[in-house]
């Protein structure tokens, strides 16, 4: 999968749907993955990204909540989320220069609250 393949998934992104799904699957995908998703979420909310980077980020979050993806989440949940986690990893690497200590702190705090 290439980043340009993600673009159609951008229309799936809605903040409430993203947060709802992340809370629903948090224990299944684990604390580290949840924190990575929250880093992307807060990076989007921070608002300093270029339009191109925002589209990539929104598409990655949309891919996560999309009912249609490369490996369906419902088949084997742990394996089903592996493609979502790969996309998150790629986008985190691509946008790492924009990730501030404040974004990391917000993501860590939100993750801690979710797993409390």
Protein backbone atom coordinates (compact mmCIF):
# COMPACT_ATOMS: atom_id res chain seq x y z
CA UNK A 1 0.00 0.00 0.00
CA UNK A 2 1.21 3.48 -0.88
CA UNK A 3 0.22 6.72 0.80
CA UNK A 4 -1.76 7.83 -2.25
CA UNK A 5 -3.87 4.67 -1.81
CA UNK A 6 -5.11 6.11 1.50
CA UNK A 7 -6.76 9.21 0.04
CA UNK A 8 -10.19 7.60 -0.52
CA UNK A 9 -10.36 6.76 3.19
CA UNK A 10 -10.30 10.42 4.25
CA UNK A 11 -14.07 10.68 3.90
CA UNK A 12 -14.53 8.04 6.63
CA UNK A 13 -12.91 10.24 9.27
CA UNK A 14 -15.22 11.80 11.84
CA UNK A 15 -13.76 12.74 15.20
CA UNK A 16 -16.54 11.09 17.21
CA UNK A 17 -16.34 7.86 15.18
CA UNK A 18 -12.57 7.77 15.54
CA UNK A 19 -12.67 8.26 19.33
CA UNK A 20 -15.49 5.75 19.71
CA UNK A 21 -13.66 3.03 17.76
CA UNK A 22 -10.36 3.72 19.51
CA UNK A 23 -12.02 3.37 22.93
CA UNK A 24 -13.80 0.20 21.79
CA UNK A 25 -10.63 -1.56 20.59
CA UNK A 26 -8.09 -0.04 22.99
CA UNK A 27 -7.49 -3.14 25.10
CA UNK A 28 -7.27 -5.30 22.00
CA UNK A 29 -4.62 -3.23 20.21
CA UNK A 30 -2.73 -2.21 23.34
CA UNK A 31 -1.45 0.88 25.07
CA UNK A 32 1.41 1.67 22.65
CA UNK A 33 -0.85 1.55 19.60
CA UNK A 34 -3.51 3.65 21.31
CA UNK A 35 -0.93 6.27 22.23
CA UNK A 36 0.27 6.37 18.62
CA UNK A 37 -3.29 6.96 17.43
CA UNK A 38 -3.67 9.75 19.98
CA UNK A 39 -0.42 11.35 18.77
CA UNK A 40 -1.92 11.52 15.27
CA UNK A 41 -5.23 12.77 16.66
CA UNK A 42 -3.60 15.62 18.61
CA UNK A 43 -1.29 16.43 15.71
CA UNK A 44 -4.38 16.94 13.55
CA UNK A 45 -6.06 19.10 16.21
CA UNK A 46 -2.90 21.19 16.64
CA UNK A 47 -3.46 22.56 13.16
CA UNK A 48 0.00 23.48 11.88
CA UNK A 49 0.22 20.86 9.13
CA UNK A 50 0.22 21.60 5.43
CA UNK A 51 -2.90 20.66 3.48
CA UNK A 52 -1.05 17.67 1.99
CA UNK A 53 0.02 16.40 5.43
CA UNK A 54 -3.50 16.92 6.82
CA UNK A 55 -4.98 14.87 3.99
CA UNK A 56 -2.52 12.05 4.68
CA UNK A 57 -3.26 12.18 8.41
CA UNK A 58 -7.04 12.32 7.98
CA UNK A 59 -6.86 9.46 5.48
CA UNK A 60 -4.85 7.34 7.95
CA UNK A 61 -7.39 7.96 10.72
CA UNK A 62 -10.20 7.31 8.24
CA UNK A 63 -8.56 4.03 7.27
CA UNK A 64 -8.66 2.98 10.92
CA UNK A 65 -12.41 3.57 11.21
CA UNK A 66 -13.31 2.41 7.71
CA UNK A 67 -15.34 -0.79 7.52
CA UNK A 68 -13.40 -1.65 4.35
CA UNK A 69 -9.65 -2.08 4.50
CA UNK A 70 -6.87 -4.39 3.39
CA UNK A 71 -7.28 -6.84 6.31
CA UNK A 72 -10.81 -6.68 7.77
CA UNK A 73 -10.75 -6.05 11.52
CA UNK A 74 -13.62 -8.45 12.27
CA UNK A 75 -11.99 -11.59 10.82
CA UNK A 76 -9.17 -12.05 13.28
CA UNK A 77 -9.06 -8.88 15.36
CA UNK A 78 -5.37 -8.93 16.24
CA UNK A 79 -4.34 -9.66 12.66
CA UNK A 80 -7.13 -7.44 11.36
CA UNK A 81 -5.61 -4.37 12.97
CA UNK A 82 -2.08 -5.05 11.71
CA UNK A 83 -2.65 -3.05 8.53
CA UNK A 84 -4.12 -0.14 10.53
CA UNK A 85 -1.08 -0.14 12.81
CA UNK A 86 1.27 -0.27 9.81
CA UNK A 87 -0.44 2.79 8.33
CA UNK A 88 -0.14 4.63 11.66
CA UNK A 89 3.57 3.78 11.83
CA UNK A 90 4.20 5.06 8.32
CA UNK A 91 2.32 8.31 8.93
CA UNK A 92 4.05 8.85 12.29
CA UNK A 93 7.42 8.52 10.55
CA UNK A 94 6.37 10.83 7.75
CA UNK A 95 5.11 13.54 10.13
CA UNK A 96 7.55 13.04 13.02
CA UNK A 97 9.09 16.49 12.58
CA UNK A 98 5.72 18.02 13.51
CA UNK A 99 5.24 16.00 16.70
CA UNK A 100 5.96 18.28 19.64
CA UNK A 101 6.58 17.31 23.27
CA UNK A 102 3.17 18.82 24.05
CA UNK A 103 1.45 16.51 21.54
CA UNK A 104 3.29 13.52 23.01
CA UNK A 105 2.25 14.57 26.51
CA UNK A 106 -1.41 14.99 25.53
CA UNK A 107 -1.40 11.58 23.85
CA UNK A 108 0.24 9.92 26.85
CA UNK A 109 -2.24 11.52 29.28
CA UNK A 110 -5.26 10.54 27.21
CA UNK A 111 -3.95 6.98 26.87
CA UNK A 112 -3.35 6.76 30.61
CA UNK A 113 -6.93 7.89 31.30
CA UNK A 114 -8.31 5.35 28.84
CA UNK A 115 -6.43 2.48 30.46
CA UNK A 116 -7.14 3.57 34.06
